[in-house]
N, C-alpha and C. Protein backbone atom coordinates (compact mmCIF):
# COMPACT_ATOMS: atom_id res chain seq x y z
N UNK A 1 -36.96 -25.81 -3.51
CA UNK A 1 -36.04 -24.73 -3.31
C UNK A 1 -34.61 -25.25 -3.46
N UNK A 2 -33.80 -24.53 -4.22
CA UNK A 2 -32.44 -24.93 -4.48
C UNK A 2 -31.54 -24.45 -3.34
N UNK A 3 -30.73 -25.36 -2.82
CA UNK A 3 -29.80 -25.00 -1.75
C UNK A 3 -28.54 -24.39 -2.34
N UNK A 4 -28.04 -23.37 -1.66
CA UNK A 4 -26.79 -22.75 -2.08
C UNK A 4 -25.62 -23.55 -1.55
N UNK A 5 -24.57 -23.60 -2.36
CA UNK A 5 -23.33 -24.21 -1.89
C UNK A 5 -22.69 -23.27 -0.87
N UNK A 6 -21.71 -23.77 -0.14
CA UNK A 6 -21.01 -22.93 0.83
C UNK A 6 -20.36 -21.75 0.12
N UNK A 7 -19.81 -21.96 -1.07
CA UNK A 7 -19.16 -20.87 -1.80
C UNK A 7 -20.20 -19.82 -2.24
N UNK A 8 -21.37 -20.27 -2.69
CA UNK A 8 -22.43 -19.32 -3.06
C UNK A 8 -22.90 -18.54 -1.83
N UNK A 9 -23.04 -19.22 -0.71
CA UNK A 9 -23.46 -18.56 0.52
C UNK A 9 -22.38 -17.56 0.97
N UNK A 10 -21.12 -17.95 0.81
CA UNK A 10 -20.01 -17.06 1.15
C UNK A 10 -20.08 -15.78 0.31
N UNK A 11 -20.34 -15.93 -0.98
CA UNK A 11 -20.48 -14.77 -1.86
C UNK A 11 -21.66 -13.90 -1.44
N UNK A 12 -22.73 -14.53 -1.05
CA UNK A 12 -23.91 -13.81 -0.57
C UNK A 12 -23.57 -13.01 0.69
N UNK A 13 -22.80 -13.63 1.58
CA UNK A 13 -22.39 -12.95 2.81
C UNK A 13 -21.48 -11.76 2.48
N UNK A 14 -20.55 -11.93 1.55
CA UNK A 14 -19.66 -10.83 1.17
C UNK A 14 -20.47 -9.66 0.61
N UNK A 15 -21.45 -9.94 -0.23
CA UNK A 15 -22.29 -8.86 -0.77
C UNK A 15 -23.06 -8.15 0.34
N UNK A 16 -23.66 -8.93 1.24
CA UNK A 16 -24.42 -8.32 2.34
C UNK A 16 -23.50 -7.54 3.27
N UNK A 17 -22.34 -8.10 3.56
CA UNK A 17 -21.39 -7.43 4.44
C UNK A 17 -20.85 -6.15 3.79
N UNK A 18 -20.69 -6.16 2.47
CA UNK A 18 -20.25 -4.95 1.78
C UNK A 18 -21.24 -3.82 2.03
N UNK A 19 -22.51 -4.11 1.86
CA UNK A 19 -23.54 -3.08 2.07
C UNK A 19 -23.55 -2.61 3.53
N UNK A 20 -23.45 -3.54 4.47
CA UNK A 20 -23.50 -3.18 5.88
C UNK A 20 -22.24 -2.42 6.33
N UNK A 21 -21.07 -2.92 5.96
CA UNK A 21 -19.83 -2.23 6.33
C UNK A 21 -19.72 -0.87 5.64
N UNK A 22 -20.17 -0.78 4.40
CA UNK A 22 -20.12 0.50 3.68
C UNK A 22 -20.94 1.55 4.41
N UNK A 23 -22.05 1.14 4.95
CA UNK A 23 -22.93 2.06 5.65
C UNK A 23 -22.45 2.36 7.07
N UNK A 24 -22.05 1.32 7.81
CA UNK A 24 -21.76 1.50 9.23
C UNK A 24 -20.30 1.42 9.64
N UNK A 25 -19.43 1.04 8.71
CA UNK A 25 -18.02 0.89 9.05
C UNK A 25 -17.77 -0.38 9.85
N UNK A 26 -16.52 -0.64 10.11
CA UNK A 26 -16.14 -1.85 10.85
C UNK A 26 -16.67 -1.81 12.27
N UNK A 27 -16.46 -0.71 12.94
CA UNK A 27 -16.82 -0.61 14.35
C UNK A 27 -18.31 -0.42 14.57
N UNK A 28 -19.02 0.09 13.58
CA UNK A 28 -20.44 0.36 13.73
C UNK A 28 -21.35 -0.69 13.13
N UNK A 29 -20.78 -1.79 12.66
CA UNK A 29 -21.57 -2.84 12.02
C UNK A 29 -21.47 -4.11 12.85
N UNK A 30 -22.61 -4.68 13.15
CA UNK A 30 -22.62 -5.93 13.91
C UNK A 30 -22.69 -7.12 12.95
N UNK A 31 -22.11 -8.22 13.38
CA UNK A 31 -22.23 -9.44 12.58
C UNK A 31 -23.69 -9.91 12.58
N UNK A 32 -24.42 -9.56 13.60
CA UNK A 32 -25.86 -9.90 13.64
C UNK A 32 -26.60 -9.23 12.48
N UNK A 33 -26.28 -7.96 12.22
CA UNK A 33 -26.93 -7.24 11.11
C UNK A 33 -26.58 -7.88 9.78
N UNK A 34 -25.33 -8.31 9.64
CA UNK A 34 -24.91 -8.95 8.38
C UNK A 34 -25.63 -10.28 8.22
N UNK A 35 -25.66 -11.09 9.27
CA UNK A 35 -26.34 -12.38 9.21
C UNK A 35 -27.82 -12.20 8.87
N UNK A 36 -28.45 -11.23 9.50
CA UNK A 36 -29.87 -10.97 9.25
C UNK A 36 -30.09 -10.56 7.79
N UNK A 37 -29.23 -9.69 7.28
CA UNK A 37 -29.37 -9.21 5.91
C UNK A 37 -29.29 -10.35 4.90
N UNK A 38 -28.40 -11.30 5.16
CA UNK A 38 -28.21 -12.39 4.22
C UNK A 38 -29.14 -13.56 4.50
N UNK A 39 -29.75 -13.55 5.69
CA UNK A 39 -30.71 -14.61 6.01
C UNK A 39 -30.08 -15.87 6.56
N UNK A 40 -29.01 -15.72 7.32
CA UNK A 40 -28.37 -16.87 7.97
C UNK A 40 -28.23 -16.57 9.45
N UNK A 41 -27.91 -17.58 10.21
CA UNK A 41 -27.66 -17.38 11.64
C UNK A 41 -26.23 -16.90 11.84
N UNK A 42 -25.98 -16.27 12.98
CA UNK A 42 -24.61 -15.86 13.29
C UNK A 42 -23.66 -17.06 13.36
N UNK A 43 -24.07 -18.17 14.00
CA UNK A 43 -23.17 -19.33 14.01
C UNK A 43 -22.80 -19.79 12.60
N UNK A 44 -23.77 -19.74 11.66
CA UNK A 44 -23.45 -20.13 10.28
C UNK A 44 -22.48 -19.13 9.67
N UNK A 45 -22.69 -17.85 9.93
CA UNK A 45 -21.80 -16.81 9.44
C UNK A 45 -20.37 -17.10 9.89
N UNK A 46 -20.23 -17.52 11.15
CA UNK A 46 -18.90 -17.78 11.69
C UNK A 46 -18.32 -19.12 11.22
N UNK A 47 -19.12 -19.95 10.59
CA UNK A 47 -18.57 -21.13 9.93
C UNK A 47 -17.92 -20.72 8.61
N UNK A 48 -18.46 -19.67 8.00
CA UNK A 48 -17.90 -19.19 6.73
C UNK A 48 -16.71 -18.27 6.94
N UNK A 49 -16.75 -17.48 7.99
CA UNK A 49 -15.69 -16.53 8.33
C UNK A 49 -15.43 -16.67 9.82
N UNK A 50 -14.17 -16.83 10.24
CA UNK A 50 -13.89 -17.09 11.65
C UNK A 50 -14.23 -15.93 12.59
N UNK A 51 -14.49 -14.75 12.06
CA UNK A 51 -14.84 -13.62 12.91
C UNK A 51 -15.10 -12.38 12.07
N UNK A 52 -15.49 -11.33 12.74
CA UNK A 52 -15.82 -10.07 12.08
C UNK A 52 -14.62 -9.51 11.31
N UNK A 53 -13.45 -9.60 11.92
CA UNK A 53 -12.25 -9.09 11.28
C UNK A 53 -11.97 -9.82 9.97
N UNK A 54 -12.08 -11.12 9.98
CA UNK A 54 -11.85 -11.91 8.76
C UNK A 54 -12.87 -11.55 7.68
N UNK A 55 -14.10 -11.32 8.09
CA UNK A 55 -15.14 -10.94 7.14
C UNK A 55 -14.86 -9.56 6.57
N UNK A 56 -14.48 -8.61 7.41
CA UNK A 56 -14.18 -7.27 6.92
C UNK A 56 -12.99 -7.31 5.96
N UNK A 57 -11.97 -8.07 6.30
CA UNK A 57 -10.81 -8.19 5.41
C UNK A 57 -11.21 -8.80 4.07
N UNK A 58 -12.09 -9.79 4.07
CA UNK A 58 -12.55 -10.39 2.82
C UNK A 58 -13.31 -9.37 1.97
N UNK A 59 -14.13 -8.56 2.62
CA UNK A 59 -14.90 -7.54 1.89
C UNK A 59 -13.97 -6.45 1.35
N UNK A 60 -13.03 -6.00 2.17
CA UNK A 60 -12.09 -4.97 1.72
C UNK A 60 -11.25 -5.48 0.56
N UNK A 61 -10.79 -6.72 0.67
CA UNK A 61 -10.00 -7.32 -0.41
C UNK A 61 -10.82 -7.42 -1.70
N UNK A 62 -12.08 -7.82 -1.58
CA UNK A 62 -12.95 -7.92 -2.75
C UNK A 62 -13.14 -6.55 -3.39
N UNK A 63 -13.33 -5.54 -2.58
CA UNK A 63 -13.51 -4.18 -3.08
C UNK A 63 -12.29 -3.74 -3.90
N UNK A 64 -11.11 -4.00 -3.38
CA UNK A 64 -9.87 -3.66 -4.09
C UNK A 64 -9.73 -4.48 -5.37
N UNK A 65 -10.04 -5.77 -5.30
CA UNK A 65 -9.96 -6.63 -6.48
C UNK A 65 -10.93 -6.17 -7.57
N UNK A 66 -12.14 -5.82 -7.17
CA UNK A 66 -13.14 -5.37 -8.15
C UNK A 66 -12.69 -4.07 -8.81
N UNK A 67 -12.10 -3.17 -8.05
CA UNK A 67 -11.61 -1.92 -8.62
C UNK A 67 -10.46 -2.20 -9.58
N UNK A 68 -9.58 -3.08 -9.19
CA UNK A 68 -8.47 -3.46 -10.07
C UNK A 68 -9.00 -4.04 -11.38
N UNK A 69 -10.01 -4.88 -11.29
CA UNK A 69 -10.60 -5.50 -12.49
C UNK A 69 -11.22 -4.43 -13.40
N UNK A 70 -11.85 -3.42 -12.79
CA UNK A 70 -12.43 -2.32 -13.58
C UNK A 70 -11.32 -1.62 -14.37
N UNK A 71 -10.19 -1.36 -13.73
CA UNK A 71 -9.07 -0.72 -14.42
C UNK A 71 -8.51 -1.62 -15.52
N UNK A 72 -8.34 -2.91 -15.23
CA UNK A 72 -7.80 -3.85 -16.22
C UNK A 72 -8.68 -3.91 -17.46
N UNK A 73 -9.97 -4.05 -17.23
CA UNK A 73 -10.90 -4.15 -18.37
C UNK A 73 -10.96 -2.86 -19.16
N UNK A 74 -10.93 -1.73 -18.48
CA UNK A 74 -11.01 -0.45 -19.17
C UNK A 74 -9.77 -0.18 -20.01
N UNK A 75 -8.60 -0.59 -19.52
CA UNK A 75 -7.35 -0.29 -20.20
C UNK A 75 -6.92 -1.37 -21.18
N UNK A 76 -7.68 -2.45 -21.28
CA UNK A 76 -7.30 -3.57 -22.13
C UNK A 76 -6.99 -3.09 -23.56
N UNK A 77 -5.74 -3.29 -23.97
CA UNK A 77 -5.31 -2.92 -25.31
C UNK A 77 -5.00 -1.45 -25.51
N UNK A 78 -5.14 -0.65 -24.45
CA UNK A 78 -4.89 0.79 -24.56
C UNK A 78 -3.61 1.17 -23.82
N UNK A 79 -3.06 2.31 -24.20
CA UNK A 79 -1.85 2.80 -23.54
C UNK A 79 -1.91 4.32 -23.45
N UNK A 80 -1.12 4.85 -22.53
CA UNK A 80 -0.98 6.29 -22.40
C UNK A 80 -2.29 7.00 -22.07
N UNK A 81 -2.50 8.10 -22.76
CA UNK A 81 -3.66 8.93 -22.48
C UNK A 81 -4.99 8.22 -22.74
N UNK A 82 -5.02 7.36 -23.75
CA UNK A 82 -6.26 6.60 -24.00
C UNK A 82 -6.59 5.71 -22.80
N UNK A 83 -5.58 5.04 -22.27
CA UNK A 83 -5.79 4.17 -21.10
C UNK A 83 -6.20 5.00 -19.90
N UNK A 84 -5.53 6.13 -19.70
CA UNK A 84 -5.84 7.00 -18.57
C UNK A 84 -7.31 7.41 -18.59
N UNK A 85 -7.78 7.90 -19.71
CA UNK A 85 -9.17 8.36 -19.79
C UNK A 85 -10.16 7.20 -19.69
N UNK A 86 -9.81 6.05 -20.26
CA UNK A 86 -10.70 4.89 -20.17
C UNK A 86 -10.83 4.42 -18.73
N UNK A 87 -9.70 4.39 -18.01
CA UNK A 87 -9.75 3.95 -16.60
C UNK A 87 -10.47 4.98 -15.73
N UNK A 88 -10.21 6.26 -15.98
CA UNK A 88 -10.88 7.31 -15.20
C UNK A 88 -12.38 7.26 -15.41
N UNK A 89 -12.80 7.10 -16.65
CA UNK A 89 -14.23 7.03 -16.96
C UNK A 89 -14.86 5.80 -16.32
N UNK A 90 -14.18 4.67 -16.42
CA UNK A 90 -14.73 3.43 -15.84
C UNK A 90 -14.85 3.54 -14.32
N UNK A 91 -13.87 4.17 -13.68
CA UNK A 91 -13.92 4.30 -12.23
C UNK A 91 -15.04 5.24 -11.80
N UNK A 92 -15.20 6.38 -12.48
CA UNK A 92 -16.27 7.29 -12.08
C UNK A 92 -17.63 6.66 -12.31
N UNK A 93 -17.76 5.84 -13.36
CA UNK A 93 -19.02 5.10 -13.57
C UNK A 93 -19.24 4.12 -12.43
N UNK A 94 -18.19 3.41 -12.03
CA UNK A 94 -18.31 2.43 -10.95
C UNK A 94 -18.84 3.07 -9.68
N UNK A 95 -18.23 4.17 -9.26
CA UNK A 95 -18.66 4.75 -7.99
C UNK A 95 -19.99 5.49 -8.11
N UNK A 96 -20.36 5.92 -9.32
CA UNK A 96 -21.66 6.54 -9.51
C UNK A 96 -22.77 5.48 -9.51
N UNK A 97 -22.50 4.34 -10.14
CA UNK A 97 -23.51 3.29 -10.27
C UNK A 97 -23.57 2.38 -9.04
N UNK A 98 -22.47 2.26 -8.32
CA UNK A 98 -22.41 1.40 -7.14
C UNK A 98 -21.77 2.18 -6.00
N UNK A 99 -22.50 3.14 -5.44
CA UNK A 99 -21.90 4.00 -4.41
C UNK A 99 -21.41 3.25 -3.18
N UNK A 100 -21.93 2.05 -2.94
CA UNK A 100 -21.44 1.28 -1.79
C UNK A 100 -19.97 0.91 -1.97
N UNK A 101 -19.49 0.85 -3.21
CA UNK A 101 -18.07 0.56 -3.45
C UNK A 101 -17.20 1.71 -2.93
N UNK A 102 -17.61 2.93 -3.23
CA UNK A 102 -16.87 4.10 -2.73
C UNK A 102 -16.97 4.14 -1.21
N UNK A 103 -18.15 3.94 -0.68
CA UNK A 103 -18.33 3.99 0.77
C UNK A 103 -17.48 2.92 1.45
N UNK A 104 -17.40 1.74 0.84
CA UNK A 104 -16.59 0.66 1.41
C UNK A 104 -15.12 1.03 1.37
N UNK A 105 -14.67 1.64 0.27
CA UNK A 105 -13.27 2.08 0.21
C UNK A 105 -12.96 3.05 1.34
N UNK A 106 -13.83 4.03 1.50
CA UNK A 106 -13.59 5.04 2.53
C UNK A 106 -13.61 4.41 3.93
N UNK A 107 -14.55 3.50 4.16
CA UNK A 107 -14.59 2.80 5.45
C UNK A 107 -13.32 1.98 5.67
N UNK A 108 -12.80 1.40 4.60
CA UNK A 108 -11.57 0.61 4.70
C UNK A 108 -10.41 1.48 5.16
N UNK A 109 -10.27 2.66 4.58
CA UNK A 109 -9.16 3.54 4.96
C UNK A 109 -9.30 4.00 6.41
N UNK A 110 -10.50 4.30 6.84
CA UNK A 110 -10.73 4.70 8.23
C UNK A 110 -10.39 3.55 9.17
N UNK A 111 -10.79 2.34 8.81
CA UNK A 111 -10.53 1.18 9.65
C UNK A 111 -9.04 0.91 9.75
N UNK A 112 -8.32 1.04 8.63
CA UNK A 112 -6.87 0.85 8.66
C UNK A 112 -6.24 1.86 9.60
N UNK A 113 -6.62 3.12 9.49
CA UNK A 113 -6.03 4.15 10.35
C UNK A 113 -6.29 3.86 11.82
N UNK A 114 -7.52 3.48 12.15
CA UNK A 114 -7.87 3.18 13.54
C UNK A 114 -7.11 1.95 14.04
N UNK A 115 -7.04 0.91 13.21
CA UNK A 115 -6.35 -0.30 13.61
C UNK A 115 -4.85 -0.05 13.79
N UNK A 116 -4.26 0.68 12.87
CA UNK A 116 -2.83 1.00 12.97
C UNK A 116 -2.56 1.78 14.25
N UNK A 117 -3.42 2.74 14.57
CA UNK A 117 -3.24 3.54 15.78
C UNK A 117 -3.32 2.68 17.03
N UNK A 118 -4.08 1.59 16.94
CA UNK A 118 -4.22 0.68 18.08
C UNK A 118 -3.17 -0.42 18.07
N UNK A 119 -2.26 -0.40 17.09
CA UNK A 119 -1.20 -1.40 17.03
C UNK A 119 -1.53 -2.64 16.23
N UNK A 120 -2.69 -2.68 15.59
CA UNK A 120 -3.09 -3.83 14.77
C UNK A 120 -2.72 -3.51 13.32
N UNK A 121 -1.75 -4.24 12.79
CA UNK A 121 -1.25 -3.93 11.45
C UNK A 121 -1.79 -4.87 10.36
N UNK A 122 -2.62 -5.84 10.75
CA UNK A 122 -3.14 -6.80 9.77
C UNK A 122 -4.01 -6.12 8.71
N UNK A 123 -4.90 -5.23 9.15
CA UNK A 123 -5.75 -4.51 8.19
C UNK A 123 -4.87 -3.75 7.20
N UNK A 124 -3.93 -2.99 7.73
CA UNK A 124 -3.08 -2.15 6.89
C UNK A 124 -2.25 -2.94 5.91
N UNK A 125 -1.71 -4.07 6.35
CA UNK A 125 -0.89 -4.89 5.46
C UNK A 125 -1.69 -5.36 4.26
N UNK A 126 -2.90 -5.85 4.50
CA UNK A 126 -3.73 -6.34 3.40
C UNK A 126 -4.13 -5.21 2.47
N UNK A 127 -4.54 -4.09 3.05
CA UNK A 127 -5.00 -2.97 2.23
C UNK A 127 -3.84 -2.37 1.43
N UNK A 128 -2.68 -2.23 2.05
CA UNK A 128 -1.52 -1.71 1.31
C UNK A 128 -1.13 -2.64 0.17
N UNK A 129 -1.21 -3.95 0.41
CA UNK A 129 -0.91 -4.93 -0.65
C UNK A 129 -1.91 -4.75 -1.81
N UNK A 130 -3.18 -4.67 -1.48
CA UNK A 130 -4.21 -4.49 -2.51
C UNK A 130 -4.06 -3.17 -3.25
N UNK A 131 -3.70 -2.13 -2.52
CA UNK A 131 -3.53 -0.82 -3.14
C UNK A 131 -2.35 -0.83 -4.09
N UNK A 132 -1.27 -1.52 -3.72
CA UNK A 132 -0.12 -1.63 -4.62
C UNK A 132 -0.47 -2.43 -5.87
N UNK A 133 -1.36 -3.40 -5.74
CA UNK A 133 -1.83 -4.12 -6.93
C UNK A 133 -2.62 -3.18 -7.84
N UNK A 134 -3.41 -2.28 -7.25
CA UNK A 134 -4.09 -1.26 -8.06
C UNK A 134 -3.07 -0.38 -8.77
N UNK A 135 -2.08 0.06 -8.03
CA UNK A 135 -1.01 0.90 -8.58
C UNK A 135 -0.37 0.22 -9.78
N UNK A 136 0.02 -1.05 -9.59
CA UNK A 136 0.68 -1.79 -10.67
C UNK A 136 -0.24 -1.97 -11.87
N UNK A 137 -1.52 -2.13 -11.61
CA UNK A 137 -2.49 -2.31 -12.69
C UNK A 137 -2.57 -1.09 -13.58
N UNK A 138 -2.50 0.10 -13.00
CA UNK A 138 -2.57 1.32 -13.83
C UNK A 138 -1.20 1.74 -14.34
N UNK A 139 -0.15 1.33 -13.65
CA UNK A 139 1.21 1.75 -13.99
C UNK A 139 1.61 1.31 -15.41
N UNK A 140 1.34 0.07 -15.75
CA UNK A 140 1.71 -0.44 -17.08
C UNK A 140 1.03 0.32 -18.22
N UNK A 141 -0.29 0.40 -18.21
CA UNK A 141 -0.98 1.12 -19.29
C UNK A 141 -0.59 2.60 -19.39
N UNK A 142 -0.12 3.16 -18.28
CA UNK A 142 0.30 4.57 -18.30
C UNK A 142 1.77 4.69 -18.69
N UNK A 143 2.30 3.65 -19.31
CA UNK A 143 3.65 3.70 -19.83
C UNK A 143 4.73 3.49 -18.80
N UNK A 144 4.38 2.99 -17.64
CA UNK A 144 5.37 2.77 -16.60
C UNK A 144 5.93 4.06 -16.03
N UNK A 145 5.20 5.13 -16.23
CA UNK A 145 5.64 6.45 -15.77
C UNK A 145 5.15 6.67 -14.33
N UNK A 146 6.09 6.80 -13.41
CA UNK A 146 5.75 6.96 -11.99
C UNK A 146 4.94 8.23 -11.77
N UNK A 147 5.31 9.32 -12.43
CA UNK A 147 4.58 10.58 -12.28
C UNK A 147 3.15 10.47 -12.76
N UNK A 148 2.94 9.84 -13.91
CA UNK A 148 1.58 9.66 -14.43
C UNK A 148 0.76 8.77 -13.51
N UNK A 149 1.39 7.71 -13.01
CA UNK A 149 0.68 6.79 -12.12
C UNK A 149 0.31 7.50 -10.82
N UNK A 150 1.25 8.26 -10.28
CA UNK A 150 0.98 9.01 -9.05
C UNK A 150 -0.15 10.00 -9.26
N UNK A 151 -0.12 10.72 -10.37
CA UNK A 151 -1.16 11.70 -10.66
C UNK A 151 -2.51 11.01 -10.81
N UNK A 152 -2.56 9.90 -11.53
CA UNK A 152 -3.81 9.17 -11.71
C UNK A 152 -4.38 8.72 -10.37
N UNK A 153 -3.53 8.12 -9.54
CA UNK A 153 -4.00 7.63 -8.24
C UNK A 153 -4.40 8.80 -7.34
N UNK A 154 -3.68 9.90 -7.42
CA UNK A 154 -4.03 11.08 -6.62
C UNK A 154 -5.39 11.63 -7.05
N UNK A 155 -5.62 11.70 -8.35
CA UNK A 155 -6.93 12.14 -8.83
C UNK A 155 -8.02 11.20 -8.32
N UNK A 156 -7.74 9.90 -8.33
CA UNK A 156 -8.72 8.94 -7.84
C UNK A 156 -9.07 9.17 -6.38
N UNK A 157 -8.06 9.43 -5.57
CA UNK A 157 -8.33 9.69 -4.16
C UNK A 157 -9.08 11.01 -3.97
N UNK A 158 -8.78 12.01 -4.81
CA UNK A 158 -9.53 13.26 -4.75
C UNK A 158 -10.98 13.03 -5.15
N UNK A 159 -11.20 12.24 -6.18
CA UNK A 159 -12.56 11.89 -6.60
C UNK A 159 -13.29 11.20 -5.44
N UNK A 160 -12.60 10.27 -4.76
CA UNK A 160 -13.21 9.58 -3.61
C UNK A 160 -13.64 10.59 -2.56
N UNK A 161 -12.74 11.53 -2.24
CA UNK A 161 -13.04 12.50 -1.19
C UNK A 161 -14.20 13.41 -1.61
N UNK A 162 -14.17 13.92 -2.84
CA UNK A 162 -15.23 14.83 -3.29
C UNK A 162 -16.58 14.12 -3.36
N UNK A 163 -16.59 12.92 -3.93
CA UNK A 163 -17.85 12.16 -4.01
C UNK A 163 -18.32 11.78 -2.61
N UNK A 164 -17.39 11.39 -1.75
CA UNK A 164 -17.74 11.03 -0.38
C UNK A 164 -18.34 12.19 0.40
N UNK A 165 -17.88 13.40 0.09
CA UNK A 165 -18.43 14.59 0.76
C UNK A 165 -19.74 15.04 0.13
N UNK A 166 -20.11 14.42 -0.98
CA UNK A 166 -21.40 14.72 -1.59
C UNK A 166 -21.43 15.94 -2.50
N UNK A 167 -20.28 16.34 -3.04
CA UNK A 167 -20.31 17.46 -3.99
C UNK A 167 -21.10 17.04 -5.22
N UNK A 168 -22.12 17.81 -5.58
CA UNK A 168 -22.93 17.45 -6.74
C UNK A 168 -22.13 17.58 -8.04
N UNK A 169 -22.50 16.84 -9.08
CA UNK A 169 -21.74 16.83 -10.34
C UNK A 169 -21.56 18.21 -10.97
N UNK A 170 -22.48 19.11 -10.74
CA UNK A 170 -22.38 20.43 -11.37
C UNK A 170 -21.53 21.42 -10.57
N UNK A 171 -21.04 21.01 -9.42
CA UNK A 171 -20.24 21.92 -8.58
C UNK A 171 -18.90 22.23 -9.25
N UNK A 172 -18.45 23.44 -9.10
CA UNK A 172 -17.20 23.89 -9.73
C UNK A 172 -15.97 23.14 -9.24
N UNK A 173 -16.06 22.47 -8.09
CA UNK A 173 -14.91 21.75 -7.55
C UNK A 173 -14.46 20.63 -8.50
N UNK A 174 -15.37 20.14 -9.35
CA UNK A 174 -15.04 19.06 -10.29
C UNK A 174 -14.32 19.58 -11.54
N UNK A 175 -14.37 20.87 -11.78
CA UNK A 175 -13.89 21.42 -13.06
C UNK A 175 -12.41 21.21 -13.33
N UNK A 176 -11.59 21.01 -12.32
CA UNK A 176 -10.17 20.81 -12.53
C UNK A 176 -9.76 19.39 -12.85
N UNK A 177 -10.72 18.47 -12.83
CA UNK A 177 -10.39 17.06 -13.09
C UNK A 177 -10.40 16.77 -14.58
N UNK A 178 -9.76 15.67 -14.96
CA UNK A 178 -9.85 15.20 -16.33
C UNK A 178 -11.33 15.13 -16.69
N UNK A 179 -11.67 15.46 -17.90
CA UNK A 179 -13.07 15.37 -18.31
C UNK A 179 -13.59 13.95 -18.08
N UNK A 180 -12.78 12.95 -18.36
CA UNK A 180 -13.21 11.56 -18.19
C UNK A 180 -13.37 11.18 -16.73
N UNK A 181 -12.78 11.96 -15.81
CA UNK A 181 -12.86 11.64 -14.39
C UNK A 181 -13.96 12.41 -13.68
N UNK A 182 -14.58 13.34 -14.37
CA UNK A 182 -15.64 14.12 -13.73
C UNK A 182 -16.89 13.28 -13.57
N UNK A 183 -17.58 13.50 -12.49
CA UNK A 183 -18.86 12.84 -12.29
C UNK A 183 -19.78 13.32 -13.39
N UNK A 184 -20.47 12.39 -14.01
CA UNK A 184 -21.32 12.73 -15.16
C UNK A 184 -22.47 13.63 -14.73
N UNK A 185 -22.69 14.69 -15.53
CA UNK A 185 -23.72 15.68 -15.22
C UNK A 185 -25.00 15.46 -16.01
N UNK A 186 -24.89 14.92 -17.17
CA UNK A 186 -26.07 14.72 -18.00
C UNK A 186 -25.66 14.19 -19.36
N UNK A 187 -26.62 14.15 -20.32
CA UNK A 187 -26.35 13.58 -21.64
C UNK A 187 -25.17 14.25 -22.37
N UNK A 188 -24.97 15.54 -22.14
CA UNK A 188 -23.88 16.22 -22.84
C UNK A 188 -22.51 15.74 -22.38
N UNK A 189 -22.43 15.09 -21.21
CA UNK A 189 -21.15 14.60 -20.71
C UNK A 189 -20.91 13.15 -21.08
N UNK A 190 -21.90 12.49 -21.64
CA UNK A 190 -21.78 11.06 -21.95
C UNK A 190 -20.77 10.79 -23.05
């Protein structure tokens, strides 16, 4: 049996924690459940991450980085409307194919709000930094237009809310979105 390096084990923990936090949120997820899912002891988990908060921050940061990478790859070499539709399509595919990513995003925003209300600003600082990196990633391909960037990000948050509430792809609520941002309904939408 091949032993995993600490970095490979850390990646395994981040994947397991993503699934657990996406489902249960920060406050509803135990480190015991994460350790069990990945097949390590809690003491080993805490050798990789100093605590639950550090682990959640690592998962939230990874989620934001992965979304940024999706936008970068989709917009590579494109500008304006072509970039907009490529990024919108790539994002809707991401959340349709990997719903835990959307769930993790939503859990991240809830955790930031709760932490901020309790006076803990560490969550919010990291998430705001990551969100601004997302903003900057789409801003360039959209021609550096603040209005276009704002509209794109607003549509993304609306997509998050609609998908999070479980509106089916055929529901009329999706009809006002860019065609490329609509949740795919079938072969005719491909």
